[in-house]
Amino acid sequence: MVQVITQKSAQGTPEKPVKAVTKKRAPSTAKKPTQPVKQEPAIAKEPTQAMTKKPTSAITQKPSQAVAKDSGRVFTAEPVRPMGQQTVSKTTQPFGHFSFKTPQGKKESIPVITQYYPRQIVYPYGRVDRHIDTRLMQAATIAQERAHAHSRSRCWHYVKDALLASGVIDSRPKTELARDAATELVSNYGFKRLSVNDPFSAPVGSVLVYGTARSVGHVELRTRDGFVSDFRSKTPSRRPLLGVYAKL
């Protein structure tokens, strides 16, 4: 049988709406980051027996030398040095002596000084004595202003001029030799000998007389920081000291 479907019949039959079939997506679950597995440190177990073998022969090498054995022979390499540097061998020098012959014909020797005292030698200052005439200190200042750097063999001449210029004496002494200055100062100008045996202990302005019976002698005035005659000096004369004189 053939069923004829007309247009009307076709329109009469209501068409059902076509529904779109949609598939629901599975909810995406956020994956947690995988945490690194912490490995516990392995506990070192104490060995029951220490398996250590002692070396049969220990060869100690210094950092600057290399030691090698080859067929029973030992080779040592010299230490590496920078280029252009010379090797200096430290040798102890013997202590030097200077030999000489005395006027009596005896041979003697003294050690040679190669090192000096590192610190500067400080000499004591002259003390001011209020019992002596103040014009003597003025005479020392005048002599210091007129003095030279080196001796001119006119010590007593310059001391005379300084004493006369300060007014401590009223006339010029007539003696020529420096060793006779003490006698004339005491007998003619009222000077007195002080109980001082050390030139550094002499008061400022005092007159120091040096000499022996066979020498011309030397005369100088004590200053605050040294001694003065025709020249300035930090140290006193090396001649024998006859005495220290001042006018009270």
C-alpha atoms as a PDB file:
ATOM      1  CA  MET A   1       0.000   0.000   0.000  1.00  0.00           C
ATOM      2  CA  VAL A   2       1.073   3.450  -0.868  1.00  0.00           C
ATOM      3  CA  GLN A   3       0.200   6.230   1.428  1.00  0.00           C
ATOM      4  CA  VAL A   4      -0.122   9.550  -0.236  1.00  0.00           C
ATOM      5  CA  ILE A   5       0.881  12.418   1.868  1.00  0.00           C
ATOM      6  CA  THR A   6      -0.529  15.691   0.740  1.00  0.00           C
ATOM      7  CA  GLN A   7       0.652  19.149   1.621  1.00  0.00           C
ATOM      8  CA  LYS A   8      -2.177  19.773   3.948  1.00  0.00           C
ATOM      9  CA  SER A   9      -1.606  16.641   5.807  1.00  0.00           C
ATOM     10  CA  ALA A  10       1.950  17.549   6.033  1.00  0.00           C
ATOM     11  CA  GLN A  11       1.135  20.920   7.475  1.00  0.00           C
ATOM     12  CA  GLY A  12      -1.300  19.440   9.870  1.00  0.00           C
ATOM     13  CA  THR A  13       1.222  17.354  11.453  1.00  0.00           C
ATOM     14  CA  PRO A  14       3.016  19.618  13.863  1.00  0.00           C
ATOM     15  CA  GLU A  15       6.741  19.396  13.806  1.00  0.00           C
ATOM     16  CA  LYS A  16       8.431  18.995  17.071  1.00  0.00           C
ATOM     17  CA  PRO A  17      11.241  21.418  17.657  1.00  0.00           C
ATOM     18  CA  VAL A  18      14.566  19.930  17.301  1.00  0.00           C
ATOM     19  CA  LYS A  19      16.423  20.172  20.502  1.00  0.00           C
ATOM     20  CA  ALA A  20      20.158  20.546  20.403  1.00  0.00           C
ATOM     21  CA  VAL A  21      21.735  17.915  22.401  1.00  0.00           C
ATOM     22  CA  THR A  22      24.476  19.414  24.482  1.00  0.00           C
ATOM     23  CA  LYS A  23      26.874  17.321  26.418  1.00  0.00           C
ATOM     24  CA  LYS A  24      27.807  18.569  29.806  1.00  0.00           C
ATOM     25  CA  ARG A  25      31.532  18.918  30.281  1.00  0.00           C
ATOM     26  CA  ALA A  26      32.972  17.309  33.255  1.00  0.00           C
ATOM     27  CA  PRO A  27      34.015  19.879  35.821  1.00  0.00           C
ATOM     28  CA  SER A  28      37.747  20.470  35.598  1.00  0.00           C
ATOM     29  CA  THR A  29      39.274  19.714  38.922  1.00  0.00           C
ATOM     30  CA  ALA A  30      42.424  21.730  39.703  1.00  0.00           C
ATOM     31  CA  LYS A  31      45.246  19.417  40.171  1.00  0.00           C
ATOM     32  CA  LYS A  32      47.321  20.020  43.236  1.00  0.00           C
ATOM     33  CA  PRO A  33      51.046  20.438  42.621  1.00  0.00           C
ATOM     34  CA  THR A  34      52.914  17.428  43.516  1.00  0.00           C
ATOM     35  CA  GLN A  35      55.027  18.071  46.591  1.00  0.00           C
ATOM     36  CA  PRO A  36      58.618  16.916  46.471  1.00  0.00           C
ATOM     37  CA  VAL A  37      59.174  13.939  48.556  1.00  0.00           C
ATOM     38  CA  LYS A  38      61.537  14.764  51.374  1.00  0.00           C
ATOM     39  CA  GLN A  39      64.155  12.206  51.787  1.00  0.00           C
ATOM     40  CA  GLU A  40      65.435  11.826  55.259  1.00  0.00           C
ATOM     41  CA  PRO A  41      69.197  11.902  55.524  1.00  0.00           C
ATOM     42  CA  ALA A  42      70.647   8.579  55.808  1.00  0.00           C
ATOM     43  CA  ILE A  43      71.889   7.893  59.291  1.00  0.00           C
ATOM     44  CA  ALA A  44      75.485   6.958  59.103  1.00  0.00           C
ATOM     45  CA  LYS A  45      76.023   3.899  61.037  1.00  0.00           C
ATOM     46  CA  GLU A  46      79.215   3.550  62.917  1.00  0.00           C
ATOM     47  CA  PRO A  47      81.345   0.998  61.300  1.00  0.00           C
ATOM     48  CA  THR A  48      82.056  -1.930  63.432  1.00  0.00           C
ATOM     49  CA  GLN A  49      85.605  -2.049  62.301  1.00  0.00           C
ATOM     50  CA  ALA A  50      87.676   0.793  60.890  1.00  0.00           C
ATOM     51  CA  MET A  51      89.048  -0.390  57.607  1.00  0.00           C
ATOM     52  CA  THR A  52      92.071   1.877  57.471  1.00  0.00           C
ATOM     53  CA  LYS A  53      95.387   0.824  56.145  1.00  0.00           C
ATOM     54  CA  LYS A  54      98.506   2.576  57.161  1.00  0.00           C
ATOM     55  CA  PRO A  55     100.766   3.453  54.280  1.00  0.00           C
ATOM     56  CA  THR A  56     103.912   1.435  54.235  1.00  0.00           C
ATOM     57  CA  SER A  57     106.104   4.513  53.540  1.00  0.00           C
ATOM     58  CA  ALA A  58     104.980   8.123  53.985  1.00  0.00           C
ATOM     59  CA  ILE A  59     106.830  10.757  52.000  1.00  0.00           C
ATOM     60  CA  THR A  60     106.313  14.292  53.326  1.00  0.00           C
ATOM     61  CA  GLN A  61     106.708  16.969  50.713  1.00  0.00           C
ATOM     62  CA  LYS A  62     107.189  20.619  51.445  1.00  0.00           C
ATOM     63  CA  PRO A  63     105.208  23.061  49.343  1.00  0.00           C
ATOM     64  CA  SER A  64     108.362  24.458  47.819  1.00  0.00           C
ATOM     65  CA  GLN A  65     110.051  21.149  47.020  1.00  0.00           C
ATOM     66  CA  ALA A  66     109.011  18.140  45.014  1.00  0.00           C
ATOM     67  CA  VAL A  67     110.539  14.759  45.815  1.00  0.00           C
ATOM     68  CA  ALA A  68     110.441  11.860  43.393  1.00  0.00           C
ATOM     69  CA  LYS A  69     112.017   8.447  43.413  1.00  0.00           C
ATOM     70  CA  ASP A  70     113.376   6.869  40.294  1.00  0.00           C
ATOM     71  CA  SER A  71     115.356   3.712  40.409  1.00  0.00           C
ATOM     72  CA  GLY A  72     116.466   4.296  43.972  1.00  0.00           C
ATOM     73  CA  ARG A  73     117.603   7.892  43.337  1.00  0.00           C
ATOM     74  CA  VAL A  74     115.968  10.934  44.918  1.00  0.00           C
ATOM     75  CA  PHE A  75     115.527  14.110  42.865  1.00  0.00           C
ATOM     76  CA  THR A  76     114.725  17.411  44.589  1.00  0.00           C
ATOM     77  CA  ALA A  77     113.458  20.393  42.642  1.00  0.00           C
ATOM     78  CA  GLU A  78     114.500  23.891  43.667  1.00  0.00           C
ATOM     79  CA  PRO A  79     111.759  26.234  44.908  1.00  0.00           C
ATOM     80  CA  VAL A  80     110.134  28.396  42.262  1.00  0.00           C
ATOM     81  CA  ARG A  81     111.270  32.023  42.506  1.00  0.00           C
ATOM     82  CA  PRO A  82     109.907  35.031  40.645  1.00  0.00           C
ATOM     83  CA  MET A  83     111.891  36.114  37.604  1.00  0.00           C
ATOM     84  CA  GLY A  84     114.429  38.864  38.089  1.00  0.00           C
ATOM     85  CA  GLN A  85     114.879  38.202  41.814  1.00  0.00           C
ATOM     86  CA  GLN A  86     118.363  37.405  42.991  1.00  0.00           C
ATOM     87  CA  THR A  87     119.024  34.973  45.758  1.00  0.00           C
ATOM     88  CA  VAL A  88     120.689  36.609  48.723  1.00  0.00           C
ATOM     89  CA  SER A  89     122.616  34.468  51.124  1.00  0.00           C
ATOM     90  CA  LYS A  90     122.553  35.844  54.630  1.00  0.00           C
ATOM     91  CA  THR A  91     125.946  35.572  56.226  1.00  0.00           C
ATOM     92  CA  THR A  92     126.828  36.852  59.639  1.00  0.00           C
ATOM     93  CA  GLN A  93     129.526  39.473  59.434  1.00  0.00           C
ATOM     94  CA  PRO A  94     132.206  39.292  62.087  1.00  0.00           C
ATOM     95  CA  PHE A  95     132.372  42.058  64.645  1.00  0.00           C
ATOM     96  CA  GLY A  96     134.991  44.528  63.414  1.00  0.00           C
ATOM     97  CA  HIS A  97     137.904  45.784  65.486  1.00  0.00           C
ATOM     98  CA  PHE A  98     140.273  48.652  64.894  1.00  0.00           C
ATOM     99  CA  SER A  99     143.878  47.951  65.790  1.00  0.00           C
ATOM    100  CA  PHE A 100     146.342  50.692  66.630  1.00  0.00           C
ATOM    101  CA  LYS A 101     149.602  51.257  68.426  1.00  0.00           C
ATOM    102  CA  THR A 102     149.897  53.486  71.477  1.00  0.00           C
ATOM    103  CA  PRO A 103     152.724  56.026  71.878  1.00  0.00           C
ATOM    104  CA  GLN A 104     154.362  53.532  74.238  1.00  0.00           C
ATOM    105  CA  GLY A 105     154.505  50.943  71.419  1.00  0.00           C
ATOM    106  CA  LYS A 106     151.710  48.709  72.766  1.00  0.00           C
ATOM    107  CA  LYS A 107     149.245  47.224  70.273  1.00  0.00           C
ATOM    108  CA  GLU A 108     145.609  47.619  71.178  1.00  0.00           C
ATOM    109  CA  SER A 109     142.266  47.116  69.428  1.00  0.00           C
ATOM    110  CA  ILE A 110     138.825  48.543  70.017  1.00  0.00           C
ATOM    111  CA  PRO A 111     135.441  47.455  68.570  1.00  0.00           C
ATOM    112  CA  VAL A 112     134.046  49.407  65.631  1.00  0.00           C
ATOM    113  CA  ILE A 113     130.596  50.856  66.300  1.00  0.00           C
ATOM    114  CA  THR A 114     128.243  50.195  63.378  1.00  0.00           C
ATOM    115  CA  GLN A 115     124.934  50.967  65.068  1.00  0.00           C
ATOM    116  CA  TYR A 116     124.018  54.138  66.893  1.00  0.00           C
ATOM    117  CA  TYR A 117     121.597  54.783  69.693  1.00  0.00           C
ATOM    118  CA  PRO A 118     118.187  55.345  68.044  1.00  0.00           C
ATOM    119  CA  ARG A 119     116.908  57.896  70.547  1.00  0.00           C
ATOM    120  CA  GLN A 120     118.151  61.458  70.673  1.00  0.00           C
ATOM    121  CA  ILE A 121     120.315  62.250  73.669  1.00  0.00           C
ATOM    122  CA  VAL A 122     118.750  64.992  75.759  1.00  0.00           C
ATOM    123  CA  TYR A 123     121.148  66.964  77.947  1.00  0.00           C
ATOM    124  CA  PRO A 124     119.915  68.548  81.167  1.00  0.00           C
ATOM    125  CA  TYR A 125     119.086  72.235  81.192  1.00  0.00           C
ATOM    126  CA  GLY A 126     121.082  74.643  83.319  1.00  0.00           C
ATOM    127  CA  ARG A 127     119.482  75.666  86.607  1.00  0.00           C
ATOM    128  CA  VAL A 128     118.965  79.277  87.637  1.00  0.00           C
ATOM    129  CA  ASP A 129     120.493  80.186  91.001  1.00  0.00           C
ATOM    130  CA  ARG A 130     119.036  83.343  92.552  1.00  0.00           C
ATOM    131  CA  HIS A 131     122.032  83.744  94.867  1.00  0.00           C
ATOM    132  CA  ILE A 132     124.482  84.671  92.098  1.00  0.00           C
ATOM    133  CA  ASP A 133     124.596  88.034  90.332  1.00  0.00           C
ATOM    134  CA  THR A 134     121.876  88.288  87.657  1.00  0.00           C
ATOM    135  CA  ARG A 135     124.300  90.136  85.391  1.00  0.00           C
ATOM    136  CA  LEU A 136     126.131  86.847  84.868  1.00  0.00           C
ATOM    137  CA  MET A 137     123.047  85.407  83.130  1.00  0.00           C
ATOM    138  CA  GLN A 138     123.031  88.499  80.932  1.00  0.00           C
ATOM    139  CA  ALA A 139     126.713  87.894  80.133  1.00  0.00           C
ATOM    140  CA  ALA A 140     125.869  84.343  79.045  1.00  0.00           C
ATOM    141  CA  THR A 141     123.162  85.690  76.718  1.00  0.00           C
ATOM    142  CA  ILE A 142     125.561  88.238  75.191  1.00  0.00           C
ATOM    143  CA  ALA A 143     128.236  85.606  74.627  1.00  0.00           C
ATOM    144  CA  GLN A 144     125.691  83.316  72.991  1.00  0.00           C
ATOM    145  CA  GLU A 145     124.652  86.022  70.559  1.00  0.00           C
ATOM    146  CA  ARG A 146     128.252  86.743  69.561  1.00  0.00           C
ATOM    147  CA  ALA A 147     129.482  83.144  69.417  1.00  0.00           C
ATOM    148  CA  HIS A 148     130.271  81.201  66.254  1.00  0.00           C
ATOM    149  CA  ALA A 149     129.433  77.678  65.213  1.00  0.00           C
ATOM    150  CA  HIS A 150     133.029  76.476  65.587  1.00  0.00           C
ATOM    151  CA  SER A 151     135.939  77.383  67.822  1.00  0.00           C
ATOM    152  CA  ARG A 152     138.362  80.134  66.835  1.00  0.00           C
ATOM    153  CA  SER A 153     140.750  79.549  69.768  1.00  0.00           C
ATOM    154  CA  ARG A 154     139.712  82.829  71.439  1.00  0.00           C
ATOM    155  CA  CYS A 155     137.494  81.541  74.238  1.00  0.00           C
ATOM    156  CA  TRP A 156     138.889  83.736  77.043  1.00  0.00           C
ATOM    157  CA  HIS A 157     138.796  86.792  74.772  1.00  0.00           C
ATOM    158  CA  TYR A 158     135.059  86.363  74.056  1.00  0.00           C
ATOM    159  CA  VAL A 159     134.238  85.629  77.718  1.00  0.00           C
ATOM    160  CA  LYS A 160     136.050  88.830  78.752  1.00  0.00           C
ATOM    161  CA  ASP A 161     133.966  90.855  76.301  1.00  0.00           C
ATOM    162  CA  ALA A 162     130.703  89.316  77.539  1.00  0.00           C
ATOM    163  CA  LEU A 163     131.519  89.933  81.236  1.00  0.00           C
ATOM    164  CA  LEU A 164     132.538  93.514  80.514  1.00  0.00           C
ATOM    165  CA  ALA A 165     129.451  94.210  78.361  1.00  0.00           C
ATOM    166  CA  SER A 166     127.062  92.940  81.035  1.00  0.00           C
ATOM    167  CA  GLY A 167     128.637  95.167  83.721  1.00  0.00           C
ATOM    168  CA  VAL A 168     129.531  92.361  86.109  1.00  0.00           C
ATOM    169  CA  ILE A 169     133.164  93.536  85.910  1.00  0.00           C
ATOM    170  CA  ASP A 170     134.313  97.146  85.522  1.00  0.00           C
ATOM    171  CA  SER A 171     137.611  96.559  83.696  1.00  0.00           C
ATOM    172  CA  ARG A 172     139.013  94.114  81.224  1.00  0.00           C
ATOM    173  CA  PRO A 173     141.073  91.215  82.666  1.00  0.00           C
ATOM    174  CA  LYS A 174     144.762  91.266  81.692  1.00  0.00           C
ATOM    175  CA  THR A 175     145.625  87.556  81.741  1.00  0.00           C
ATOM    176  CA  GLU A 176     146.257  85.897  78.374  1.00  0.00           C
ATOM    177  CA  LEU A 177     145.932  82.189  79.138  1.00  0.00           C
ATOM    178  CA  ALA A 178     142.504  80.719  79.830  1.00  0.00           C
ATOM    179  CA  ARG A 179     143.801  78.562  82.663  1.00  0.00           C
ATOM    180  CA  ASP A 180     144.733  81.749  84.609  1.00  0.00           C
ATOM    181  CA  ALA A 181     141.222  83.191  84.377  1.00  0.00           C
ATOM    182  CA  ALA A 182     140.140  81.698  87.705  1.00  0.00           C
ATOM    183  CA  THR A 183     142.960  83.332  89.670  1.00  0.00           C
ATOM    184  CA  GLU A 184     142.289  86.785  88.239  1.00  0.00           C
ATOM    185  CA  LEU A 185     138.497  86.602  88.638  1.00  0.00           C
ATOM    186  CA  VAL A 186     138.797  85.634  92.312  1.00  0.00           C
ATOM    187  CA  SER A 187     141.578  88.090  93.267  1.00  0.00           C
ATOM    188  CA  ASN A 188     140.481  91.172  91.279  1.00  0.00           C
ATOM    189  CA  TYR A 189     136.738  90.925  90.632  1.00  0.00           C
ATOM    190  CA  GLY A 190     135.229  89.238  93.670  1.00  0.00           C
ATOM    191  CA  PHE A 191     134.325  85.880  92.124  1.00  0.00           C
ATOM    192  CA  LYS A 192     134.065  82.833  94.350  1.00  0.00           C
ATOM    193  CA  ARG A 193     134.463  79.167  93.594  1.00  0.00           C
ATOM    194  CA  LEU A 194     131.245  77.129  93.824  1.00  0.00           C
ATOM    195  CA  SER A 195     131.053  73.637  95.248  1.00  0.00           C
ATOM    196  CA  VAL A 196     130.178  72.116  91.852  1.00  0.00           C
ATOM    197  CA  ASN A 197     132.161  69.341  90.183  1.00  0.00           C
ATOM    198  CA  ASP A 198     129.808  68.517  87.299  1.00  0.00           C
ATOM    199  CA  PRO A 199     129.662  71.064  84.441  1.00  0.00           C
ATOM    200  CA  PHE A 200     125.983  70.215  83.818  1.00  0.00           C
ATOM    201  CA  SER A 201     125.181  71.117  87.436  1.00  0.00           C
ATOM    202  CA  ALA A 202     126.728  74.585  87.111  1.00  0.00           C
ATOM    203  CA  PRO A 203     124.162  77.443  87.402  1.00  0.00           C
ATOM    204  CA  VAL A 204     123.355  79.587  84.389  1.00  0.00           C
ATOM    205  CA  GLY A 205     125.909  82.418  84.008  1.00  0.00           C
ATOM    206  CA  SER A 206     128.721  80.777  85.975  1.00  0.00           C
ATOM    207  CA  VAL A 207     132.248  80.717  84.561  1.00  0.00           C
ATOM    208  CA  LEU A 208     133.837  77.301  84.008  1.00  0.00           C
ATOM    209  CA  VAL A 209     137.635  77.124  83.812  1.00  0.00           C
ATOM    210  CA  TYR A 210     139.454  74.075  82.386  1.00  0.00           C
ATOM    211  CA  GLY A 211     143.090  73.214  81.919  1.00  0.00           C
ATOM    212  CA  THR A 212     146.287  71.760  83.235  1.00  0.00           C
ATOM    213  CA  ALA A 213     149.710  73.167  84.051  1.00  0.00           C
ATOM    214  CA  ARG A 214     150.974  72.265  80.553  1.00  0.00           C
ATOM    215  CA  SER A 215     147.998  73.413  78.524  1.00  0.00           C
ATOM    216  CA  VAL A 216     146.519  76.769  77.566  1.00  0.00           C
ATOM    217  CA  GLY A 217     143.177  75.821  79.083  1.00  0.00           C
ATOM    218  CA  HIS A 218     139.618  76.761  78.204  1.00  0.00           C
ATOM    219  CA  VAL A 219     136.984  79.149  79.611  1.00  0.00           C
ATOM    220  CA  GLU A 220     133.223  79.059  78.932  1.00  0.00           C
ATOM    221  CA  LEU A 221     129.930  80.297  80.359  1.00  0.00           C
ATOM    222  CA  ARG A 222     127.035  78.053  81.287  1.00  0.00           C
ATOM    223  CA  THR A 223     123.835  78.741  79.354  1.00  0.00           C
ATOM    224  CA  ARG A 224     120.383  77.252  79.773  1.00  0.00           C
ATOM    225  CA  ASP A 225     120.830  74.684  77.020  1.00  0.00           C
ATOM    226  CA  GLY A 226     124.621  74.310  76.814  1.00  0.00           C
ATOM    227  CA  PHE A 227     127.928  76.130  77.025  1.00  0.00           C
ATOM    228  CA  VAL A 228     129.335  79.136  75.190  1.00  0.00           C
ATOM    229  CA  SER A 229     132.667  80.897  74.704  1.00  0.00           C
ATOM    230  CA  ASP A 230     133.753  81.887  71.199  1.00  0.00           C
ATOM    231  CA  PHE A 231     131.499  79.055  69.943  1.00  0.00           C
ATOM    232  CA  ARG A 232     128.309  77.330  71.074  1.00  0.00           C
ATOM    233  CA  SER A 233     128.218  73.732  72.286  1.00  0.00           C
ATOM    234  CA  LYS A 234     125.683  71.349  73.818  1.00  0.00           C
ATOM    235  CA  THR A 235     128.356  69.580  75.832  1.00  0.00           C
ATOM    236  CA  PRO A 236     131.126  70.916  78.076  1.00  0.00           C
ATOM    237  CA  SER A 237     134.826  70.799  77.281  1.00  0.00           C
ATOM    238  CA  ARG A 238     136.636  67.486  77.621  1.00  0.00           C
ATOM    239  CA  ARG A 239     139.558  69.118  79.430  1.00  0.00           C
ATOM    240  CA  PRO A 240     139.995  68.673  83.189  1.00  0.00           C
ATOM    241  CA  LEU A 241     137.713  71.028  85.107  1.00  0.00           C
ATOM    242  CA  LEU A 242     139.600  73.390  87.413  1.00  0.00           C
ATOM    243  CA  GLY A 243     136.511  74.920  88.972  1.00  0.00           C
ATOM    244  CA  VAL A 244     133.180  76.738  88.578  1.00  0.00           C
ATOM    245  CA  TYR A 245     133.167  80.427  89.552  1.00  0.00           C
ATOM    246  CA  ALA A 246     130.458  83.037  90.036  1.00  0.00           C
ATOM    247  CA  LYS A 247     129.940  86.425  91.656  1.00  0.00           C
ATOM    248  CA  LEU A 248     127.445  86.384  94.524  1.00  0.00           C
END
